[in-house]
């Protein structure tokens, strides 16, 4: 993911788990979050729920998952994720989803 984001020309930070992601978000401005669903300590669902409900943040969040089941997808929407992409990641699809969500967030 790091290499893809660098190839796209995007500045980025990496968090090893959901708690670190929340700490980074509290201390830095970001345009979008790519949220892995399977992380230690605090998974992507828990982190997104915290970002939406406790921080009241509307930052666009794209879920990254290797398990694209109906349950996961409905759970992604339920906690407030804007979109998802499955792994292995299709570079063009990821880029287009990032750009689409960034355009929408600028309009809000």
C-alpha atoms as a PDB file:
ATOM      1  CA  UNK A   1       0.000   0.000   0.000  1.00  0.00           C
ATOM      2  CA  UNK A   2       2.844   2.358   0.897  1.00  0.00           C
ATOM      3  CA  UNK A   3       4.441   1.873  -2.533  1.00  0.00           C
ATOM      4  CA  UNK A   4       1.112   2.441  -4.321  1.00  0.00           C
ATOM      5  CA  UNK A   5       0.459   5.679  -2.446  1.00  0.00           C
ATOM      6  CA  UNK A   6       3.986   6.877  -3.224  1.00  0.00           C
ATOM      7  CA  UNK A   7       3.479   6.031  -6.914  1.00  0.00           C
ATOM      8  CA  UNK A   8       0.220   8.015  -6.853  1.00  0.00           C
ATOM      9  CA  UNK A   9       2.169  10.955  -5.417  1.00  0.00           C
ATOM     10  CA  UNK A  10       0.141  11.031  -2.173  1.00  0.00           C
ATOM     11  CA  UNK A  11       1.635  11.971   1.177  1.00  0.00           C
ATOM     12  CA  UNK A  12       0.757   9.331   3.762  1.00  0.00           C
ATOM     13  CA  UNK A  13       1.229   8.027   7.281  1.00  0.00           C
ATOM     14  CA  UNK A  14       0.987   4.428   8.369  1.00  0.00           C
ATOM     15  CA  UNK A  15      -0.557   3.203  11.611  1.00  0.00           C
ATOM     16  CA  UNK A  16       0.066  -0.354  12.799  1.00  0.00           C
ATOM     17  CA  UNK A  17      -3.297  -0.571  14.549  1.00  0.00           C
ATOM     18  CA  UNK A  18      -6.562   1.293  15.082  1.00  0.00           C
ATOM     19  CA  UNK A  19      -5.447   3.002  18.300  1.00  0.00           C
ATOM     20  CA  UNK A  20      -2.405   4.483  16.579  1.00  0.00           C
ATOM     21  CA  UNK A  21      -4.588   5.575  13.651  1.00  0.00           C
ATOM     22  CA  UNK A  22      -6.881   7.462  16.049  1.00  0.00           C
ATOM     23  CA  UNK A  23      -3.916   9.096  17.794  1.00  0.00           C
ATOM     24  CA  UNK A  24      -2.517  10.229  14.441  1.00  0.00           C
ATOM     25  CA  UNK A  25      -5.923  11.572  13.405  1.00  0.00           C
ATOM     26  CA  UNK A  26      -6.237  13.541  16.647  1.00  0.00           C
ATOM     27  CA  UNK A  27      -2.875  15.219  16.032  1.00  0.00           C
ATOM     28  CA  UNK A  28      -2.775  15.657  12.243  1.00  0.00           C
ATOM     29  CA  UNK A  29      -5.142  16.698   9.461  1.00  0.00           C
ATOM     30  CA  UNK A  30      -5.845  14.040   6.833  1.00  0.00           C
ATOM     31  CA  UNK A  31      -7.925  14.073   3.655  1.00  0.00           C
ATOM     32  CA  UNK A  32      -8.807  10.372   3.601  1.00  0.00           C
ATOM     33  CA  UNK A  33      -8.231   7.156   5.551  1.00  0.00           C
ATOM     34  CA  UNK A  34      -7.495   3.725   4.099  1.00  0.00           C
ATOM     35  CA  UNK A  35      -8.586   1.452   6.947  1.00  0.00           C
ATOM     36  CA  UNK A  36      -7.459  -2.156   7.149  1.00  0.00           C
ATOM     37  CA  UNK A  37     -10.212  -4.177   8.796  1.00  0.00           C
ATOM     38  CA  UNK A  38      -7.880  -6.745  10.364  1.00  0.00           C
ATOM     39  CA  UNK A  39      -5.524  -4.968  12.774  1.00  0.00           C
ATOM     40  CA  UNK A  40      -4.287  -5.882  16.242  1.00  0.00           C
ATOM     41  CA  UNK A  41      -5.441  -4.058  19.394  1.00  0.00           C
ATOM     42  CA  UNK A  42      -8.275  -2.146  17.694  1.00  0.00           C
ATOM     43  CA  UNK A  43      -9.590  -3.378  14.346  1.00  0.00           C
ATOM     44  CA  UNK A  44     -10.823  -1.232  11.475  1.00  0.00           C
ATOM     45  CA  UNK A  45     -14.483  -1.494  12.478  1.00  0.00           C
ATOM     46  CA  UNK A  46     -13.780  -0.316  16.035  1.00  0.00           C
ATOM     47  CA  UNK A  47     -11.493   2.479  14.862  1.00  0.00           C
ATOM     48  CA  UNK A  48     -14.045   3.720  12.312  1.00  0.00           C
ATOM     49  CA  UNK A  49     -16.827   3.624  14.893  1.00  0.00           C
ATOM     50  CA  UNK A  50     -14.669   5.737  17.226  1.00  0.00           C
ATOM     51  CA  UNK A  51     -13.774   8.197  14.440  1.00  0.00           C
ATOM     52  CA  UNK A  52     -17.436   8.625  13.475  1.00  0.00           C
ATOM     53  CA  UNK A  53     -19.136   8.575  16.887  1.00  0.00           C
ATOM     54  CA  UNK A  54     -16.606   9.887  19.401  1.00  0.00           C
ATOM     55  CA  UNK A  55     -14.575  12.219  17.197  1.00  0.00           C
ATOM     56  CA  UNK A  56     -17.592  13.136  15.029  1.00  0.00           C
ATOM     57  CA  UNK A  57     -15.319  13.144  11.999  1.00  0.00           C
ATOM     58  CA  UNK A  58     -16.687  12.989   8.464  1.00  0.00           C
ATOM     59  CA  UNK A  59     -13.298  12.183   6.898  1.00  0.00           C
ATOM     60  CA  UNK A  60     -13.766   9.705   4.022  1.00  0.00           C
ATOM     61  CA  UNK A  61     -12.799   6.142   5.003  1.00  0.00           C
ATOM     62  CA  UNK A  62     -12.128   3.309   2.561  1.00  0.00           C
ATOM     63  CA  UNK A  63     -12.071  -0.178   4.072  1.00  0.00           C
ATOM     64  CA  UNK A  64      -9.334  -2.548   2.934  1.00  0.00           C
ATOM     65  CA  UNK A  65     -10.316  -6.187   3.236  1.00  0.00           C
ATOM     66  CA  UNK A  66      -9.296  -9.588   1.973  1.00  0.00           C
ATOM     67  CA  UNK A  67     -12.692 -11.012   2.970  1.00  0.00           C
ATOM     68  CA  UNK A  68     -15.403  -9.459   0.831  1.00  0.00           C
ATOM     69  CA  UNK A  69     -18.493 -11.066   2.300  1.00  0.00           C
ATOM     70  CA  UNK A  70     -21.936  -9.556   2.548  1.00  0.00           C
ATOM     71  CA  UNK A  71     -21.572  -9.375   6.320  1.00  0.00           C
ATOM     72  CA  UNK A  72     -18.341  -7.398   6.092  1.00  0.00           C
ATOM     73  CA  UNK A  73     -19.751  -4.990   3.531  1.00  0.00           C
ATOM     74  CA  UNK A  74     -22.904  -4.269   5.511  1.00  0.00           C
ATOM     75  CA  UNK A  75     -20.835  -3.889   8.678  1.00  0.00           C
ATOM     76  CA  UNK A  76     -18.537  -1.429   6.851  1.00  0.00           C
ATOM     77  CA  UNK A  77     -21.516   0.760   5.982  1.00  0.00           C
ATOM     78  CA  UNK A  78     -23.045   0.355   9.445  1.00  0.00           C
ATOM     79  CA  UNK A  79     -19.967   1.789  11.195  1.00  0.00           C
ATOM     80  CA  UNK A  80     -19.696   4.650   8.702  1.00  0.00           C
ATOM     81  CA  UNK A  81     -17.147   3.638   6.087  1.00  0.00           C
ATOM     82  CA  UNK A  82     -17.644   5.344   2.747  1.00  0.00           C
ATOM     83  CA  UNK A  83     -16.375   2.573   0.482  1.00  0.00           C
ATOM     84  CA  UNK A  84     -14.277  -0.580   0.426  1.00  0.00           C
ATOM     85  CA  UNK A  85     -11.683  -2.238  -1.745  1.00  0.00           C
ATOM     86  CA  UNK A  86     -10.616  -5.864  -1.640  1.00  0.00           C
ATOM     87  CA  UNK A  87      -7.087  -7.174  -1.474  1.00  0.00           C
ATOM     88  CA  UNK A  88      -5.142  -7.771  -3.568  1.00  0.00           C
ATOM     89  CA  UNK A  89      -5.746  -4.157  -4.504  1.00  0.00           C
ATOM     90  CA  UNK A  90      -6.464  -3.095  -8.088  1.00  0.00           C
ATOM     91  CA  UNK A  91      -4.325   0.067  -8.412  1.00  0.00           C
ATOM     92  CA  UNK A  92      -6.617   1.871 -10.851  1.00  0.00           C
ATOM     93  CA  UNK A  93      -9.715   1.098  -8.804  1.00  0.00           C
ATOM     94  CA  UNK A  94      -8.068   2.316  -5.593  1.00  0.00           C
ATOM     95  CA  UNK A  95      -6.916   5.536  -7.254  1.00  0.00           C
ATOM     96  CA  UNK A  96     -10.350   6.248  -8.716  1.00  0.00           C
ATOM     97  CA  UNK A  97     -12.091   5.582  -5.375  1.00  0.00           C
ATOM     98  CA  UNK A  98      -9.675   7.904  -3.544  1.00  0.00           C
ATOM     99  CA  UNK A  99     -10.163  10.694  -6.087  1.00  0.00           C
ATOM    100  CA  UNK A 100     -13.959  10.246  -6.126  1.00  0.00           C
ATOM    101  CA  UNK A 101     -14.219  10.469  -2.315  1.00  0.00           C
ATOM    102  CA  UNK A 102     -11.845  13.436  -2.139  1.00  0.00           C
ATOM    103  CA  UNK A 103     -13.931  15.303  -4.723  1.00  0.00           C
ATOM    104  CA  UNK A 104     -17.111  14.600  -2.739  1.00  0.00           C
ATOM    105  CA  UNK A 105     -15.536  15.713   0.549  1.00  0.00           C
ATOM    106  CA  UNK A 106     -14.419  19.008  -1.016  1.00  0.00           C
ATOM    107  CA  UNK A 107     -18.003  19.685  -2.103  1.00  0.00           C
ATOM    108  CA  UNK A 108     -19.381  19.141   1.417  1.00  0.00           C
END
